[in-house]
N, C-alpha and C. Protein backbone atom coordinates (compact mmCIF):
# COMPACT_ATOMS: atom_id res chain seq x y z
N MET A 1 31.57 -18.08 34.06
CA MET A 1 31.54 -18.25 35.50
C MET A 1 32.84 -18.89 35.97
N SER A 2 33.47 -18.34 36.95
CA SER A 2 34.74 -18.83 37.47
C SER A 2 34.53 -19.88 38.55
N ASP A 3 35.44 -20.87 38.60
CA ASP A 3 35.38 -21.91 39.61
C ASP A 3 36.55 -21.77 40.59
N SER A 4 37.05 -20.55 40.74
CA SER A 4 38.22 -20.34 41.58
C SER A 4 37.88 -19.82 42.96
N GLY A 5 36.62 -19.85 43.31
CA GLY A 5 36.23 -19.41 44.64
C GLY A 5 36.00 -17.92 44.71
N PRO A 6 35.47 -17.46 45.81
CA PRO A 6 35.20 -16.03 45.98
C PRO A 6 36.48 -15.21 45.87
N GLY A 7 36.38 -14.13 45.14
CA GLY A 7 37.52 -13.24 45.03
C GLY A 7 38.66 -13.78 44.19
N GLY A 8 38.47 -14.95 43.56
CA GLY A 8 39.52 -15.52 42.74
C GLY A 8 40.68 -16.08 43.53
N GLY A 9 40.55 -16.18 44.85
CA GLY A 9 41.64 -16.66 45.68
C GLY A 9 41.77 -18.16 45.76
N GLY A 10 40.83 -18.88 45.22
CA GLY A 10 40.90 -20.33 45.21
C GLY A 10 40.30 -20.96 46.45
N TYR A 11 40.50 -22.25 46.51
CA TYR A 11 39.99 -23.07 47.61
C TYR A 11 41.16 -23.62 48.40
N PHE A 12 40.99 -23.72 49.71
CA PHE A 12 42.04 -24.22 50.59
C PHE A 12 41.50 -25.35 51.44
N TRP A 13 42.38 -26.29 51.81
CA TRP A 13 42.01 -27.32 52.77
C TRP A 13 42.58 -26.90 54.12
N CYS A 14 41.71 -26.78 55.11
CA CYS A 14 42.12 -26.38 56.45
C CYS A 14 42.51 -27.61 57.25
N LEU A 15 43.74 -27.65 57.70
CA LEU A 15 44.24 -28.78 58.50
C LEU A 15 43.69 -28.76 59.92
N ARG A 16 43.26 -27.62 60.37
CA ARG A 16 42.73 -27.49 61.73
C ARG A 16 41.25 -27.87 61.79
N HIS A 17 40.49 -27.45 60.80
CA HIS A 17 39.04 -27.70 60.82
C HIS A 17 38.59 -28.84 59.91
N HIS A 18 39.53 -29.36 59.10
CA HIS A 18 39.23 -30.48 58.18
C HIS A 18 38.06 -30.13 57.26
N ARG A 19 38.19 -28.99 56.58
CA ARG A 19 37.15 -28.54 55.66
C ARG A 19 37.75 -27.64 54.59
N VAL A 20 36.99 -27.45 53.52
CA VAL A 20 37.37 -26.52 52.46
C VAL A 20 37.02 -25.11 52.91
N GLU A 21 37.94 -24.17 52.69
CA GLU A 21 37.72 -22.78 53.04
C GLU A 21 38.02 -21.90 51.84
N THR A 22 37.31 -20.76 51.74
CA THR A 22 37.49 -19.84 50.63
C THR A 22 37.36 -18.40 51.11
N GLY A 23 37.74 -17.48 50.24
CA GLY A 23 37.52 -16.06 50.48
C GLY A 23 38.10 -15.56 51.79
N ASP A 24 37.28 -14.78 52.50
CA ASP A 24 37.71 -14.22 53.77
C ASP A 24 37.62 -15.22 54.91
N ASP A 25 37.06 -16.40 54.65
CA ASP A 25 36.85 -17.41 55.68
C ASP A 25 37.95 -18.48 55.63
N VAL A 26 39.21 -18.05 55.66
CA VAL A 26 40.32 -19.00 55.64
C VAL A 26 41.17 -18.83 56.88
N CYS A 27 41.67 -19.94 57.36
CA CYS A 27 42.58 -19.91 58.51
C CYS A 27 43.95 -19.41 58.06
N PRO A 28 44.83 -19.06 59.00
CA PRO A 28 46.18 -18.63 58.64
C PRO A 28 46.90 -19.69 57.80
N ALA A 29 47.85 -19.25 57.01
CA ALA A 29 48.56 -20.11 56.07
C ALA A 29 49.15 -21.36 56.72
N GLN A 30 49.57 -21.26 57.97
CA GLN A 30 50.19 -22.42 58.62
C GLN A 30 49.22 -23.58 58.81
N TYR A 31 47.92 -23.33 58.67
CA TYR A 31 46.90 -24.37 58.87
C TYR A 31 46.22 -24.80 57.59
N ARG A 32 46.69 -24.36 56.43
CA ARG A 32 45.96 -24.68 55.21
C ARG A 32 46.88 -25.16 54.10
N LEU A 33 46.29 -25.90 53.18
CA LEU A 33 46.95 -26.35 51.97
C LEU A 33 46.24 -25.70 50.79
N GLY A 34 46.98 -25.32 49.78
CA GLY A 34 46.36 -24.72 48.60
C GLY A 34 47.08 -23.45 48.21
N PRO A 35 46.54 -22.74 47.27
CA PRO A 35 45.16 -22.80 46.78
C PRO A 35 44.99 -23.89 45.72
N TYR A 36 43.76 -24.36 45.61
CA TYR A 36 43.34 -25.30 44.60
C TYR A 36 42.29 -24.64 43.73
N ALA A 37 42.16 -25.10 42.50
CA ALA A 37 41.24 -24.50 41.54
C ALA A 37 39.78 -24.80 41.85
N THR A 38 39.52 -25.96 42.46
CA THR A 38 38.14 -26.34 42.75
C THR A 38 38.02 -26.83 44.19
N ALA A 39 36.79 -26.85 44.68
CA ALA A 39 36.55 -27.36 46.03
C ALA A 39 36.89 -28.85 46.09
N GLY A 40 36.61 -29.58 45.01
CA GLY A 40 36.93 -31.00 44.97
C GLY A 40 38.42 -31.27 45.11
N GLU A 41 39.23 -30.47 44.43
CA GLU A 41 40.68 -30.61 44.55
C GLU A 41 41.12 -30.33 45.98
N ALA A 42 40.54 -29.32 46.59
CA ALA A 42 40.89 -28.99 47.97
C ALA A 42 40.50 -30.12 48.91
N GLU A 43 39.35 -30.75 48.66
CA GLU A 43 38.91 -31.87 49.51
C GLU A 43 39.87 -33.05 49.41
N ARG A 44 40.56 -33.18 48.29
CA ARG A 44 41.52 -34.28 48.10
C ARG A 44 42.96 -33.86 48.40
N ALA A 45 43.14 -32.75 49.08
CA ALA A 45 44.48 -32.21 49.32
C ALA A 45 45.39 -33.20 50.04
N LEU A 46 44.89 -33.87 51.05
CA LEU A 46 45.74 -34.81 51.79
C LEU A 46 46.13 -36.01 50.94
N GLU A 47 45.23 -36.45 50.06
CA GLU A 47 45.57 -37.54 49.13
C GLU A 47 46.65 -37.08 48.17
N THR A 48 46.54 -35.84 47.70
CA THR A 48 47.53 -35.29 46.79
C THR A 48 48.89 -35.20 47.46
N VAL A 49 48.91 -34.76 48.70
CA VAL A 49 50.17 -34.66 49.46
C VAL A 49 50.79 -36.04 49.61
N GLU A 50 49.98 -37.03 49.98
CA GLU A 50 50.48 -38.39 50.17
C GLU A 50 51.07 -38.95 48.87
N LYS A 51 50.38 -38.74 47.75
CA LYS A 51 50.85 -39.22 46.46
C LYS A 51 52.17 -38.55 46.08
N ARG A 52 52.24 -37.24 46.23
CA ARG A 52 53.47 -36.52 45.87
C ARG A 52 54.63 -36.93 46.76
N ASN A 53 54.38 -37.11 48.05
CA ASN A 53 55.45 -37.54 48.95
C ASN A 53 55.99 -38.90 48.56
N ALA A 54 55.11 -39.83 48.19
CA ALA A 54 55.54 -41.16 47.75
C ALA A 54 56.39 -41.06 46.49
N GLU A 55 55.95 -40.22 45.55
CA GLU A 55 56.72 -40.03 44.31
C GLU A 55 58.09 -39.44 44.61
N TRP A 56 58.14 -38.45 45.48
CA TRP A 56 59.43 -37.81 45.81
C TRP A 56 60.33 -38.77 46.59
N ASP A 57 59.77 -39.58 47.49
CA ASP A 57 60.57 -40.57 48.21
C ASP A 57 61.18 -41.58 47.25
N ALA A 58 60.39 -42.02 46.26
CA ALA A 58 60.90 -42.97 45.26
C ALA A 58 62.00 -42.33 44.43
N GLU A 59 61.81 -41.07 44.05
CA GLU A 59 62.85 -40.37 43.29
C GLU A 59 64.12 -40.20 44.12
N ASP A 60 63.99 -39.87 45.40
CA ASP A 60 65.16 -39.77 46.28
C ASP A 60 65.88 -41.11 46.37
N ALA A 61 65.14 -42.19 46.47
CA ALA A 61 65.74 -43.52 46.55
C ALA A 61 66.51 -43.83 45.27
N ARG A 62 65.92 -43.52 44.11
CA ARG A 62 66.62 -43.73 42.83
C ARG A 62 67.89 -42.88 42.77
N TRP A 63 67.79 -41.63 43.20
CA TRP A 63 68.92 -40.73 43.18
C TRP A 63 70.07 -41.26 44.05
N ASN A 64 69.71 -41.84 45.19
CA ASN A 64 70.70 -42.35 46.13
C ASN A 64 71.14 -43.78 45.81
N GLY A 65 70.59 -44.36 44.73
CA GLY A 65 70.98 -45.71 44.33
C GLY A 65 70.39 -46.79 45.20
N GLU A 66 69.31 -46.49 45.89
CA GLU A 66 68.67 -47.47 46.77
C GLU A 66 67.60 -48.22 45.99
N ASP A 67 67.45 -49.48 46.31
CA ASP A 67 66.37 -50.28 45.71
C ASP A 67 65.18 -50.22 46.62
N ARG A 68 64.06 -49.73 46.12
CA ARG A 68 62.82 -49.67 46.91
C ARG A 68 61.76 -50.41 46.20
């Protein structure tokens, strides 16, 4: 049994509706994050974005020789 959502397209987090969407019931790409392998990962999409942004900001600071 696959956990990749209907049609194998994965799960998306909709920024407009604040919900997990799958299959044919997804908003346009400009309003969604993903695909994610599970609904749980999609539900945590904003946390994942925040964590990655913090990591990238820290890496940029190191690259630029800034102390953060």
